[in-house]
Structures are given as structure tokens and as C-alpha cells.
Amino acid sequence: MSTIAKLQAQKELLLERLKSEPGPNEREEIQTLLTKIETALSLLGREAGPPTEDFGSGS
């Protein structure tokens, strides 16, 4: 499993935990972890480079 896939799996688990209405401390911890995962995914996406297909050109 790739790093991106692992991060996405962790993100999904954390989102499920948020749906179970955790207490304020747990909610804060989950949101902190989600922010870190989003940052990591963003950085990994930049390292991969831009997409090869241009969907917005319209020409």
C-alpha cells in the first residue's frame, strides 16, 4: 500500500470517528490529525507533479 493510500485510509477512519460524536477533547485530536494528513497529502501531491491532462483549457 502506497503512502498516499495509507494516509487516505487513516483519513477515512478519522472521519468515521467524527461521525460517532466524540467528546470535545477527542474531536480536537481528530481534527488535528486530519489537518496533518491533509498537509501530507497536499505535499505528496506536489511532489508527484501536475496532472498530465489539462481539463480546464476548453480548446
N, C-alpha and C. Protein backbone atom coordinates (compact mmCIF):
# COMPACT_ATOMS: atom_id res chain seq x y z
N MET A 1 0.85 -1.18 0.00
CA MET A 1 0.00 0.00 0.00
C MET A 1 0.89 1.23 0.00
N SER A 2 0.58 2.17 -0.89
CA SER A 2 1.39 3.38 -1.00
C SER A 2 1.15 4.31 0.19
N THR A 3 2.04 5.25 0.34
CA THR A 3 1.92 6.23 1.41
C THR A 3 0.62 7.01 1.27
N ILE A 4 0.30 7.41 0.05
CA ILE A 4 -0.93 8.17 -0.17
C ILE A 4 -2.15 7.33 0.20
N ALA A 5 -2.15 6.07 -0.18
CA ALA A 5 -3.27 5.19 0.15
C ALA A 5 -3.41 5.00 1.66
N LYS A 6 -2.29 4.89 2.34
CA LYS A 6 -2.33 4.75 3.80
C LYS A 6 -2.89 6.01 4.46
N LEU A 7 -2.46 7.17 3.98
CA LEU A 7 -2.96 8.42 4.53
C LEU A 7 -4.45 8.58 4.27
N GLN A 8 -4.89 8.20 3.08
CA GLN A 8 -6.31 8.30 2.76
C GLN A 8 -7.13 7.34 3.62
N ALA A 9 -6.60 6.16 3.89
CA ALA A 9 -7.30 5.20 4.75
C ALA A 9 -7.40 5.74 6.17
N GLN A 10 -6.32 6.33 6.66
CA GLN A 10 -6.35 6.94 8.00
C GLN A 10 -7.37 8.07 8.06
N LYS A 11 -7.41 8.85 7.00
CA LYS A 11 -8.35 9.98 6.94
C LYS A 11 -9.79 9.46 7.02
N GLU A 12 -10.10 8.42 6.28
CA GLU A 12 -11.45 7.85 6.29
C GLU A 12 -11.82 7.35 7.69
N LEU A 13 -10.87 6.69 8.36
CA LEU A 13 -11.14 6.21 9.73
C LEU A 13 -11.41 7.37 10.68
N LEU A 14 -10.63 8.43 10.55
CA LEU A 14 -10.83 9.60 11.41
C LEU A 14 -12.17 10.28 11.13
N LEU A 15 -12.56 10.35 9.87
CA LEU A 15 -13.85 10.94 9.54
C LEU A 15 -15.00 10.11 10.11
N GLU A 16 -14.84 8.79 10.11
CA GLU A 16 -15.85 7.92 10.71
C GLU A 16 -15.93 8.16 12.22
N ARG A 17 -14.78 8.35 12.84
CA ARG A 17 -14.77 8.65 14.29
C ARG A 17 -15.49 9.96 14.59
N LEU A 18 -15.34 10.94 13.71
CA LEU A 18 -16.03 12.21 13.91
C LEU A 18 -17.55 12.05 13.85
N LYS A 19 -18.01 11.13 13.01
CA LYS A 19 -19.45 10.88 12.88
C LYS A 19 -20.04 10.27 14.15
N SER A 20 -19.20 9.64 14.97
CA SER A 20 -19.70 8.99 16.19
C SER A 20 -19.83 9.97 17.35
N GLU A 21 -19.74 11.28 17.05
CA GLU A 21 -19.91 12.34 18.04
C GLU A 21 -18.98 12.19 19.25
N PRO A 22 -17.67 12.32 19.03
CA PRO A 22 -16.72 12.22 20.14
C PRO A 22 -16.82 13.43 21.06
N GLY A 23 -16.23 13.30 22.22
CA GLY A 23 -16.17 14.43 23.15
C GLY A 23 -15.28 15.52 22.60
N PRO A 24 -15.29 16.69 23.25
CA PRO A 24 -14.53 17.83 22.72
C PRO A 24 -13.03 17.58 22.61
N ASN A 25 -12.44 16.89 23.57
CA ASN A 25 -11.01 16.63 23.52
C ASN A 25 -10.67 15.68 22.37
N GLU A 26 -11.46 14.62 22.22
CA GLU A 26 -11.21 13.66 21.14
C GLU A 26 -11.46 14.33 19.79
N ARG A 27 -12.50 15.15 19.70
CA ARG A 27 -12.79 15.87 18.45
C ARG A 27 -11.60 16.75 18.05
N GLU A 28 -11.04 17.45 19.01
CA GLU A 28 -9.89 18.32 18.74
C GLU A 28 -8.69 17.50 18.25
N GLU A 29 -8.46 16.36 18.89
CA GLU A 29 -7.36 15.47 18.49
C GLU A 29 -7.57 14.96 17.06
N ILE A 30 -8.80 14.55 16.75
CA ILE A 30 -9.11 14.05 15.41
C ILE A 30 -8.91 15.15 14.38
N GLN A 31 -9.38 16.35 14.68
CA GLN A 31 -9.23 17.46 13.73
C GLN A 31 -7.76 17.81 13.51
N THR A 32 -6.95 17.72 14.56
CA THR A 32 -5.52 17.97 14.42
C THR A 32 -4.88 16.93 13.50
N LEU A 33 -5.24 15.67 13.70
CA LEU A 33 -4.70 14.61 12.87
C LEU A 33 -5.15 14.75 11.42
N LEU A 34 -6.41 15.13 11.22
CA LEU A 34 -6.91 15.34 9.86
C LEU A 34 -6.16 16.47 9.16
N THR A 35 -5.84 17.52 9.89
CA THR A 35 -5.08 18.63 9.31
C THR A 35 -3.69 18.16 8.89
N LYS A 36 -3.06 17.35 9.73
CA LYS A 36 -1.72 16.84 9.39
C LYS A 36 -1.79 15.93 8.17
N ILE A 37 -2.81 15.10 8.10
CA ILE A 37 -2.97 14.20 6.95
C ILE A 37 -3.21 15.00 5.68
N GLU A 38 -4.07 16.01 5.75
CA GLU A 38 -4.33 16.86 4.58
C GLU A 38 -3.05 17.55 4.10
N THR A 39 -2.25 18.03 5.04
CA THR A 39 -0.98 18.67 4.69
C THR A 39 -0.06 17.67 4.00
N ALA A 40 0.04 16.48 4.56
CA ALA A 40 0.91 15.46 3.96
C ALA A 40 0.43 15.08 2.57
N LEU A 41 -0.87 14.91 2.41
CA LEU A 41 -1.41 14.57 1.09
C LEU A 41 -1.14 15.68 0.08
N SER A 42 -1.27 16.91 0.52
CA SER A 42 -1.00 18.05 -0.34
C SER A 42 0.46 18.07 -0.78
N LEU A 43 1.36 17.86 0.17
CA LEU A 43 2.79 17.85 -0.15
C LEU A 43 3.14 16.69 -1.07
N LEU A 44 2.58 15.53 -0.82
CA LEU A 44 2.84 14.37 -1.67
C LEU A 44 2.30 14.60 -3.08
N GLY A 45 1.17 15.28 -3.16
CA GLY A 45 0.59 15.59 -4.47
C GLY A 45 1.48 16.53 -5.27
N ARG A 46 2.09 17.49 -4.58
CA ARG A 46 3.01 18.42 -5.25
C ARG A 46 4.25 17.71 -5.73
N GLU A 47 4.74 16.75 -4.95
CA GLU A 47 5.93 16.00 -5.34
C GLU A 47 5.67 15.17 -6.58
N ALA A 48 4.43 14.71 -6.73
CA ALA A 48 4.08 13.88 -7.88
C ALA A 48 4.05 14.70 -9.16
N GLY A 49 3.93 16.03 -9.03
CA GLY A 49 3.90 16.89 -10.19
C GLY A 49 2.48 17.16 -10.64
N PRO A 50 2.33 18.06 -11.59
CA PRO A 50 0.99 18.40 -12.07
C PRO A 50 0.39 17.25 -12.87
N PRO A 51 -0.93 17.22 -12.95
CA PRO A 51 -1.57 16.17 -13.77
C PRO A 51 -1.17 16.32 -15.23
N THR A 52 -1.15 15.22 -15.95
CA THR A 52 -0.74 15.26 -17.35
C THR A 52 -1.84 15.70 -18.26
N GLU A 53 -3.10 15.62 -17.84
CA GLU A 53 -4.22 16.04 -18.67
C GLU A 53 -4.69 17.41 -18.25
N ASP A 54 -5.00 18.25 -19.20
CA ASP A 54 -5.48 19.59 -18.92
C ASP A 54 -6.99 19.61 -19.16
N PHE A 55 -7.75 19.60 -18.07
CA PHE A 55 -9.20 19.56 -18.18
C PHE A 55 -9.81 20.95 -18.30
N GLY A 56 -9.05 22.00 -18.01
CA GLY A 56 -9.63 23.33 -17.97
C GLY A 56 -9.32 24.20 -19.16
N SER A 57 -8.68 23.69 -20.19
CA SER A 57 -8.25 24.55 -21.28
C SER A 57 -9.41 24.98 -22.18
N GLY A 58 -10.38 24.10 -22.43
CA GLY A 58 -11.54 24.44 -23.24
C GLY A 58 -11.25 24.59 -24.72
N SER A 59 -10.03 24.25 -25.18
CA SER A 59 -9.74 24.37 -26.60
C SER A 59 -9.68 23.05 -27.30
